[in-house]
Structures are given as C-alpha cells and as structure tokens.
Amino acid sequence: MSGVSHIPRETYEFTKHIPFSEHLEIKVDALEKGMARLSMTIRPEFMTSWGTAHGGSILALLDITLSMAVRTLYDPPRSVMTIDLSTQFIGTTTGLLRAEGRVMKAGQSTIFCEGEARDEKGELVAKAIGTFRAISPKP
C-alpha cells in the first residue's frame, strides 16, 4: 500500500477492519490529517446492465473515503457514522475509480466533509458532501 507509510500504525490497522471495504477491495492510497485518497476497481458485479459503474458502488467508495478522512483526525481512531451524504453523479466509468475526501469543518463529534470520485483519466465521475459523527472509543 503505497502512500500509507507516513500514517500511524494504529490508524493503518484500524482501516483493515472494515469488512464491507474489504469486500469491495478498496485500497488506501494516501491518508493525511483531514484527507483520504482511496481507490477501487469496478468489477463486473459492481456494474449496471450497461457495463458501467453502478451508482451504489460509486457512492460506497465516496462514503468510505469521506469517513476515512474523518478517522484521520483522531488518535486513537474512532468509529465514524454517516449522518447525511449527498452525491451528484456527473459521469460513469469502468476500470479504476479513485476518490479523495477532505474534512471541511470538524466539531466535537460532528464533522463536515466533501469529496469527489474520478476515473483513470482524472475525469470527474461524482461529487459528494457529507456529515459524519465520530463516536468516542469505549473506555
């Protein structure tokens, strides 16, 4: 996993325990405080009958990417719950889909993010804004 060597090991370990993300084979490309870049290959089971990425697969990547950006704010990492996620689908793709998420404003437990998904050529596929809740770790 290139791009993740600079993040704390406990954060890297935390990212490995998301079964849905593992099922989608989402890769962590880069993490910095308040920012995450993730990618996934659009496999046949993630496509529409037209042979392009299903909106649900694009949305899943964006949701996980934005929530991962939130996770970078906390040490130790916290669980993150999506409160609201609004996505505009601008295009579609096949092959590799890359997403970047950024924290716009973080309160005590409510965090606002934005992000986008792009195809292999860098063309915009979707934009998202979301509100997330960070859940304090149990003592």
N, C-alpha and C. Protein backbone atom coordinates (compact mmCIF):
# COMPACT_ATOMS: atom_id res chain seq x y z
N MET A 1 0.84 -1.18 0.00
CA MET A 1 0.00 0.00 0.00
C MET A 1 0.88 1.23 0.00
N SER A 2 1.15 1.75 -1.16
CA SER A 2 1.96 2.95 -1.21
C SER A 2 1.15 4.13 -0.69
N GLY A 3 1.85 5.08 -0.09
CA GLY A 3 1.20 6.29 0.39
C GLY A 3 0.71 6.21 1.82
N VAL A 4 0.82 5.07 2.47
CA VAL A 4 0.32 4.99 3.83
C VAL A 4 1.43 4.81 4.85
N SER A 5 2.68 4.82 4.42
CA SER A 5 3.77 4.58 5.35
C SER A 5 3.93 5.71 6.36
N HIS A 6 3.45 6.92 6.06
CA HIS A 6 3.62 8.05 6.95
C HIS A 6 2.51 8.16 8.00
N ILE A 7 1.52 7.28 7.97
CA ILE A 7 0.44 7.36 8.96
C ILE A 7 0.77 6.46 10.14
N PRO A 8 0.23 6.79 11.31
CA PRO A 8 0.50 5.94 12.48
C PRO A 8 0.02 4.51 12.24
N ARG A 9 0.78 3.55 12.72
CA ARG A 9 0.46 2.14 12.50
C ARG A 9 -0.93 1.80 13.02
N GLU A 10 -1.33 2.37 14.18
CA GLU A 10 -2.64 2.05 14.72
C GLU A 10 -3.75 2.54 13.79
N THR A 11 -3.53 3.64 13.08
CA THR A 11 -4.53 4.11 12.11
C THR A 11 -4.60 3.14 10.95
N TYR A 12 -3.43 2.72 10.46
CA TYR A 12 -3.40 1.75 9.36
C TYR A 12 -4.12 0.47 9.77
N GLU A 13 -3.87 0.00 10.97
CA GLU A 13 -4.51 -1.22 11.45
C GLU A 13 -6.03 -1.03 11.52
N PHE A 14 -6.48 0.14 11.94
CA PHE A 14 -7.90 0.41 12.06
C PHE A 14 -8.59 0.30 10.70
N THR A 15 -7.92 0.73 9.63
CA THR A 15 -8.52 0.71 8.30
C THR A 15 -8.72 -0.71 7.79
N LYS A 16 -8.03 -1.68 8.35
CA LYS A 16 -8.14 -3.06 7.86
C LYS A 16 -9.37 -3.77 8.40
N HIS A 17 -10.09 -3.19 9.34
CA HIS A 17 -11.20 -3.88 9.99
C HIS A 17 -12.56 -3.37 9.53
N ILE A 18 -12.70 -3.11 8.26
CA ILE A 18 -13.98 -2.70 7.70
C ILE A 18 -14.37 -3.77 6.68
N PRO A 19 -15.15 -4.78 7.10
CA PRO A 19 -15.46 -5.90 6.19
C PRO A 19 -16.04 -5.46 4.85
N PHE A 20 -16.94 -4.47 4.85
CA PHE A 20 -17.54 -4.03 3.59
C PHE A 20 -16.48 -3.45 2.66
N SER A 21 -15.58 -2.65 3.21
CA SER A 21 -14.48 -2.08 2.43
C SER A 21 -13.58 -3.18 1.88
N GLU A 22 -13.32 -4.19 2.70
CA GLU A 22 -12.51 -5.32 2.24
C GLU A 22 -13.23 -6.08 1.12
N HIS A 23 -14.54 -6.25 1.24
CA HIS A 23 -15.32 -6.94 0.21
C HIS A 23 -15.23 -6.19 -1.12
N LEU A 24 -15.27 -4.87 -1.06
CA LEU A 24 -15.17 -4.06 -2.28
C LEU A 24 -13.73 -3.95 -2.79
N GLU A 25 -12.79 -4.46 -1.98
CA GLU A 25 -11.36 -4.40 -2.30
C GLU A 25 -10.89 -2.95 -2.47
N ILE A 26 -11.38 -2.09 -1.58
CA ILE A 26 -10.96 -0.68 -1.59
C ILE A 26 -9.55 -0.58 -1.05
N LYS A 27 -8.73 0.16 -1.73
CA LYS A 27 -7.33 0.35 -1.36
C LYS A 27 -7.14 1.76 -0.81
N VAL A 28 -6.34 1.87 0.24
CA VAL A 28 -5.97 3.17 0.80
C VAL A 28 -4.73 3.63 0.05
N ASP A 29 -4.86 4.73 -0.68
CA ASP A 29 -3.74 5.27 -1.45
C ASP A 29 -2.96 6.31 -0.67
N ALA A 30 -3.65 7.11 0.14
CA ALA A 30 -2.97 8.13 0.95
C ALA A 30 -3.88 8.58 2.07
N LEU A 31 -3.28 8.84 3.22
CA LEU A 31 -4.00 9.41 4.36
C LEU A 31 -3.15 10.52 4.95
N GLU A 32 -3.76 11.65 5.20
CA GLU A 32 -3.14 12.75 5.92
C GLU A 32 -4.20 13.29 6.85
N LYS A 33 -3.81 14.11 7.79
CA LYS A 33 -4.80 14.65 8.72
C LYS A 33 -5.86 15.41 7.93
N GLY A 34 -7.11 14.93 8.03
CA GLY A 34 -8.23 15.58 7.36
C GLY A 34 -8.39 15.25 5.89
N MET A 35 -7.64 14.27 5.37
CA MET A 35 -7.72 13.92 3.95
C MET A 35 -7.48 12.43 3.76
N ALA A 36 -8.24 11.85 2.82
CA ALA A 36 -8.05 10.44 2.47
C ALA A 36 -8.19 10.29 0.96
N ARG A 37 -7.35 9.44 0.39
CA ARG A 37 -7.47 9.05 -1.02
C ARG A 37 -7.57 7.54 -1.06
N LEU A 38 -8.66 7.04 -1.64
CA LEU A 38 -8.90 5.61 -1.75
C LEU A 38 -9.23 5.28 -3.21
N SER A 39 -9.12 4.01 -3.55
CA SER A 39 -9.45 3.60 -4.92
C SER A 39 -10.02 2.20 -4.91
N MET A 40 -10.75 1.88 -5.98
CA MET A 40 -11.28 0.54 -6.16
C MET A 40 -11.42 0.27 -7.65
N THR A 41 -11.31 -0.99 -8.00
CA THR A 41 -11.54 -1.41 -9.38
C THR A 41 -13.01 -1.77 -9.52
N ILE A 42 -13.64 -1.25 -10.55
CA ILE A 42 -15.05 -1.56 -10.81
C ILE A 42 -15.11 -2.94 -11.45
N ARG A 43 -15.43 -3.92 -10.61
CA ARG A 43 -15.55 -5.31 -11.08
C ARG A 43 -16.93 -5.51 -11.70
N PRO A 44 -17.12 -6.58 -12.46
CA PRO A 44 -18.42 -6.81 -13.12
C PRO A 44 -19.61 -6.78 -12.17
N GLU A 45 -19.44 -7.28 -10.95
CA GLU A 45 -20.57 -7.29 -10.01
C GLU A 45 -20.90 -5.91 -9.46
N PHE A 46 -20.09 -4.90 -9.78
CA PHE A 46 -20.34 -3.51 -9.35
C PHE A 46 -20.89 -2.67 -10.51
N MET A 47 -21.30 -3.32 -11.59
CA MET A 47 -21.72 -2.60 -12.80
C MET A 47 -23.23 -2.65 -13.02
N THR A 48 -23.67 -1.76 -13.86
CA THR A 48 -25.06 -1.74 -14.31
C THR A 48 -25.20 -2.69 -15.49
N SER A 49 -26.42 -2.84 -15.99
CA SER A 49 -26.64 -3.65 -17.18
C SER A 49 -25.99 -3.02 -18.41
N TRP A 50 -25.60 -1.77 -18.31
CA TRP A 50 -24.92 -1.07 -19.42
C TRP A 50 -23.42 -1.30 -19.39
N GLY A 51 -22.92 -2.00 -18.34
CA GLY A 51 -21.49 -2.29 -18.27
C GLY A 51 -20.65 -1.17 -17.69
N THR A 52 -21.27 -0.25 -16.96
CA THR A 52 -20.53 0.83 -16.32
C THR A 52 -20.78 0.79 -14.81
N ALA A 53 -20.02 1.55 -14.06
CA ALA A 53 -20.11 1.53 -12.60
C ALA A 53 -21.51 1.87 -12.12
N HIS A 54 -22.06 1.04 -11.27
CA HIS A 54 -23.36 1.30 -10.64
C HIS A 54 -23.19 2.46 -9.67
N GLY A 55 -24.19 3.32 -9.58
CA GLY A 55 -24.14 4.46 -8.65
C GLY A 55 -23.88 4.04 -7.22
N GLY A 56 -24.40 2.88 -6.83
CA GLY A 56 -24.19 2.40 -5.47
C GLY A 56 -22.73 2.09 -5.19
N SER A 57 -22.00 1.59 -6.17
CA SER A 57 -20.58 1.31 -5.96
C SER A 57 -19.79 2.61 -5.87
N ILE A 58 -20.16 3.60 -6.67
CA ILE A 58 -19.50 4.91 -6.61
C ILE A 58 -19.79 5.55 -5.26
N LEU A 59 -21.05 5.50 -4.84
CA LEU A 59 -21.46 6.07 -3.56
C LEU A 59 -20.74 5.39 -2.39
N ALA A 60 -20.61 4.08 -2.44
CA ALA A 60 -19.92 3.35 -1.36
C ALA A 60 -18.47 3.81 -1.24
N LEU A 61 -17.79 3.95 -2.37
CA LEU A 61 -16.40 4.42 -2.33
C LEU A 61 -16.33 5.82 -1.73
N LEU A 62 -17.23 6.71 -2.13
CA LEU A 62 -17.21 8.07 -1.59
C LEU A 62 -17.51 8.08 -0.10
N ASP A 63 -18.48 7.31 0.34
CA ASP A 63 -18.84 7.25 1.76
C ASP A 63 -17.65 6.78 2.60
N ILE A 64 -17.01 5.73 2.16
CA ILE A 64 -15.87 5.19 2.90
C ILE A 64 -14.70 6.16 2.86
N THR A 65 -14.48 6.82 1.74
CA THR A 65 -13.38 7.78 1.62
C THR A 65 -13.59 8.97 2.55
N LEU A 66 -14.79 9.55 2.55
CA LEU A 66 -15.05 10.70 3.41
C LEU A 66 -14.96 10.30 4.88
N SER A 67 -15.51 9.15 5.24
CA SER A 67 -15.43 8.72 6.64
C SER A 67 -13.99 8.43 7.04
N MET A 68 -13.18 7.94 6.11
CA MET A 68 -11.77 7.69 6.41
C MET A 68 -11.04 9.02 6.64
N ALA A 69 -11.42 10.07 5.90
CA ALA A 69 -10.83 11.40 6.15
C ALA A 69 -11.13 11.84 7.57
N VAL A 70 -12.34 11.55 8.04
CA VAL A 70 -12.71 11.87 9.43
C VAL A 70 -11.84 11.09 10.40
N ARG A 71 -11.64 9.81 10.16
CA ARG A 71 -10.86 8.97 11.06
C ARG A 71 -9.44 9.50 11.27
N THR A 72 -8.89 10.19 10.27
CA THR A 72 -7.52 10.69 10.39
C THR A 72 -7.38 11.78 11.44
N LEU A 73 -8.50 12.33 11.91
CA LEU A 73 -8.45 13.41 12.89
C LEU A 73 -8.19 12.92 14.31
N TYR A 74 -8.37 11.63 14.56
CA TYR A 74 -8.37 11.11 15.93
C TYR A 74 -7.27 10.10 16.17
N ASP A 75 -6.67 10.20 17.34
CA ASP A 75 -5.67 9.24 17.77
C ASP A 75 -5.95 8.91 19.23
N PRO A 76 -6.47 7.74 19.56
CA PRO A 76 -6.68 6.61 18.66
C PRO A 76 -7.88 6.84 17.75
N PRO A 77 -7.94 6.10 16.65
CA PRO A 77 -9.05 6.25 15.71
C PRO A 77 -10.39 5.99 16.37
N ARG A 78 -11.41 6.65 15.87
CA ARG A 78 -12.78 6.46 16.36
C ARG A 78 -13.63 5.83 15.27
N SER A 79 -14.72 5.23 15.71
CA SER A 79 -15.72 4.78 14.75
C SER A 79 -16.40 6.02 14.19
N VAL A 80 -16.82 5.92 12.95
CA VAL A 80 -17.47 7.05 12.28
C VAL A 80 -18.78 6.58 11.69
N MET A 81 -19.83 7.36 11.92
CA MET A 81 -21.16 7.05 11.41
C MET A 81 -21.57 8.15 10.43
N THR A 82 -22.08 7.75 9.28
CA THR A 82 -22.58 8.71 8.31
C THR A 82 -23.95 9.20 8.76
N ILE A 83 -24.09 10.52 8.88
CA ILE A 83 -25.38 11.11 9.22
C ILE A 83 -26.12 11.47 7.93
N ASP A 84 -25.42 12.06 7.00
CA ASP A 84 -26.03 12.50 5.75
C ASP A 84 -24.96 12.48 4.66
N LEU A 85 -25.34 12.03 3.48
CA LEU A 85 -24.41 12.01 2.36
C LEU A 85 -25.18 12.36 1.10
N SER A 86 -24.78 13.42 0.46
CA SER A 86 -25.42 13.86 -0.78
C SER A 86 -24.41 13.72 -1.91
N THR A 87 -24.82 13.03 -2.96
CA THR A 87 -23.91 12.76 -4.06
C THR A 87 -24.52 13.20 -5.38
N GLN A 88 -23.71 13.85 -6.18
CA GLN A 88 -24.10 14.23 -7.54
C GLN A 88 -23.31 13.35 -8.50
N PHE A 89 -24.03 12.58 -9.29
CA PHE A 89 -23.39 11.70 -10.27
C PHE A 89 -23.27 12.48 -11.57
N ILE A 90 -22.03 12.66 -12.01
CA ILE A 90 -21.75 13.51 -13.17
C ILE A 90 -21.42 12.67 -14.40
N GLY A 91 -20.85 11.52 -14.17
CA GLY A 91 -20.49 10.62 -15.27
C GLY A 91 -20.43 9.21 -14.72
N THR A 92 -19.87 8.33 -15.50
CA THR A 92 -19.67 6.96 -15.01
C THR A 92 -18.35 6.45 -15.56
N THR A 93 -18.01 5.25 -15.21
CA THR A 93 -16.70 4.74 -15.58
C THR A 93 -16.69 3.22 -15.54
N THR A 94 -15.61 2.68 -16.00
CA THR A 94 -15.26 1.27 -15.81
C THR A 94 -13.82 1.31 -15.32
N GLY A 95 -13.27 0.20 -14.95
CA GLY A 95 -11.87 0.18 -14.53
C GLY A 95 -11.65 0.75 -13.15
N LEU A 96 -10.57 1.51 -13.00
CA LEU A 96 -10.18 2.04 -11.70
C LEU A 96 -10.93 3.33 -11.38
N LEU A 97 -11.43 3.41 -10.16
CA LEU A 97 -12.12 4.61 -9.68
C LEU A 97 -11.35 5.11 -8.47
N ARG A 98 -10.97 6.39 -8.48
CA ARG A 98 -10.23 7.00 -7.37
C ARG A 98 -11.10 8.05 -6.70
N ALA A 99 -11.02 8.11 -5.37
CA ALA A 99 -11.78 9.11 -4.63
C ALA A 99 -10.86 9.84 -3.66
N GLU A 100 -11.17 11.11 -3.45
CA GLU A 100 -10.48 11.90 -2.44
C GLU A 100 -11.53 12.56 -1.56
N GLY A 101 -11.32 12.50 -0.26
CA GLY A 101 -12.22 13.14 0.70
C GLY A 101 -11.45 14.07 1.60
N ARG A 102 -12.09 15.21 1.93
CA ARG A 102 -11.46 16.22 2.77
C ARG A 102 -12.42 16.68 3.86
N VAL A 103 -11.89 16.89 5.04
CA VAL A 103 -12.68 17.46 6.14
C VAL A 103 -12.75 18.96 5.91
N MET A 104 -13.97 19.49 5.90
CA MET A 104 -14.16 20.94 5.74
C MET A 104 -14.23 21.63 7.09
N LYS A 105 -14.91 21.01 8.06
CA LYS A 105 -15.04 21.58 9.40
C LYS A 105 -15.32 20.45 10.37
N ALA A 106 -14.63 20.48 11.50
CA ALA A 106 -14.81 19.44 12.50
C ALA A 106 -15.19 20.06 13.83
N GLY A 107 -16.31 19.59 14.39
CA GLY A 107 -16.70 19.98 15.74
C GLY A 107 -16.29 18.89 16.71
N GLN A 108 -16.89 18.89 17.91
CA GLN A 108 -16.56 17.87 18.91
C GLN A 108 -16.87 16.46 18.40
N SER A 109 -18.03 16.30 17.77
CA SER A 109 -18.39 14.97 17.28
C SER A 109 -19.02 15.00 15.89
N THR A 110 -19.36 16.19 15.37
CA THR A 110 -19.96 16.31 14.05
C THR A 110 -18.94 16.91 13.09
N ILE A 111 -18.76 16.23 11.96
CA ILE A 111 -17.72 16.62 11.02
C ILE A 111 -18.33 16.73 9.62
N PHE A 112 -17.96 17.79 8.92
CA PHE A 112 -18.47 18.05 7.58
C PHE A 112 -17.34 17.80 6.58
N CYS A 113 -17.65 17.05 5.51
CA CYS A 113 -16.65 16.66 4.52
C CYS A 113 -17.15 16.90 3.10
N GLU A 114 -16.21 16.92 2.18
CA GLU A 114 -16.52 16.96 0.75
C GLU A 114 -15.53 16.05 0.04
N GLY A 115 -15.91 15.63 -1.16
CA GLY A 115 -15.00 14.79 -1.92
C GLY A 115 -15.49 14.57 -3.33
N GLU A 116 -14.66 13.89 -4.09
CA GLU A 116 -15.04 13.56 -5.45
C GLU A 116 -14.42 12.23 -5.86
N ALA A 117 -15.03 11.63 -6.86
CA ALA A 117 -14.53 10.39 -7.45
C ALA A 117 -14.19 10.68 -8.91
N ARG A 118 -13.07 10.14 -9.35
CA ARG A 118 -12.59 10.38 -10.72
C ARG A 118 -12.18 9.06 -11.36
N ASP A 119 -12.29 9.02 -12.68
CA ASP A 119 -11.88 7.82 -13.41
C ASP A 119 -10.37 7.82 -13.61
N GLU A 120 -9.86 6.82 -14.33
CA GLU A 120 -8.42 6.68 -14.55
C GLU A 120 -7.81 7.86 -15.29
N LYS A 121 -8.60 8.56 -16.08
CA LYS A 121 -8.11 9.70 -16.85
C LYS A 121 -8.18 11.00 -16.03
N GLY A 122 -8.77 10.91 -14.83
CA GLY A 122 -8.92 12.10 -14.00
C GLY A 122 -10.23 12.84 -14.23
N GLU A 123 -11.11 12.24 -15.04
CA GLU A 123 -12.41 12.87 -15.31
C GLU A 123 -13.33 12.70 -14.10
N LEU A 124 -14.06 13.75 -13.78
CA LEU A 124 -14.96 13.74 -12.64
C LEU A 124 -16.13 12.80 -12.89
N VAL A 125 -16.37 11.89 -11.95
CA VAL A 125 -17.47 10.93 -12.03
C VAL A 125 -18.59 11.33 -11.06
N ALA A 126 -18.21 11.79 -9.86
CA ALA A 126 -19.21 12.16 -8.86
C ALA A 126 -18.59 13.08 -7.82
N LYS A 127 -19.45 13.91 -7.21
CA LYS A 127 -19.05 14.77 -6.09
C LYS A 127 -19.96 14.44 -4.91
N ALA A 128 -19.43 14.62 -3.71
CA ALA A 128 -20.23 14.32 -2.52
C ALA A 128 -19.92 15.32 -1.41
N ILE A 129 -20.95 15.60 -0.61
CA ILE A 129 -20.76 16.31 0.65
C ILE A 129 -21.44 15.47 1.71
N GLY A 130 -20.84 15.43 2.88
CA GLY A 130 -21.39 14.58 3.91
C GLY A 130 -21.20 15.12 5.31
N THR A 131 -22.06 14.67 6.19
CA THR A 131 -21.99 14.98 7.61
C THR A 131 -21.78 13.67 8.33
N PHE A 132 -20.81 13.65 9.23
CA PHE A 132 -20.43 12.43 9.92
C PHE A 132 -20.37 12.66 11.42
N ARG A 133 -20.55 11.59 12.18
CA ARG A 133 -20.44 11.65 13.63
C ARG A 133 -19.31 10.73 14.06
N ALA A 134 -18.37 11.28 14.82
CA ALA A 134 -17.29 10.47 15.39
C ALA A 134 -17.77 9.98 16.75
N ILE A 135 -17.63 8.68 16.96
CA ILE A 135 -18.09 8.06 18.19
C ILE A 135 -16.89 7.80 19.08
N SER A 136 -16.92 8.34 20.29
CA SER A 136 -15.80 8.18 21.23
C SER A 136 -15.56 6.71 21.52
N PRO A 137 -14.27 6.34 21.62
CA PRO A 137 -13.99 4.94 21.95
C PRO A 137 -14.48 4.59 23.34
N LYS A 138 -14.85 3.35 23.52
CA LYS A 138 -15.30 2.88 24.83
C LYS A 138 -14.10 2.76 25.76
N PRO A 139 -14.27 3.17 27.02
CA PRO A 139 -13.12 3.10 27.95
C PRO A 139 -12.71 1.68 28.27
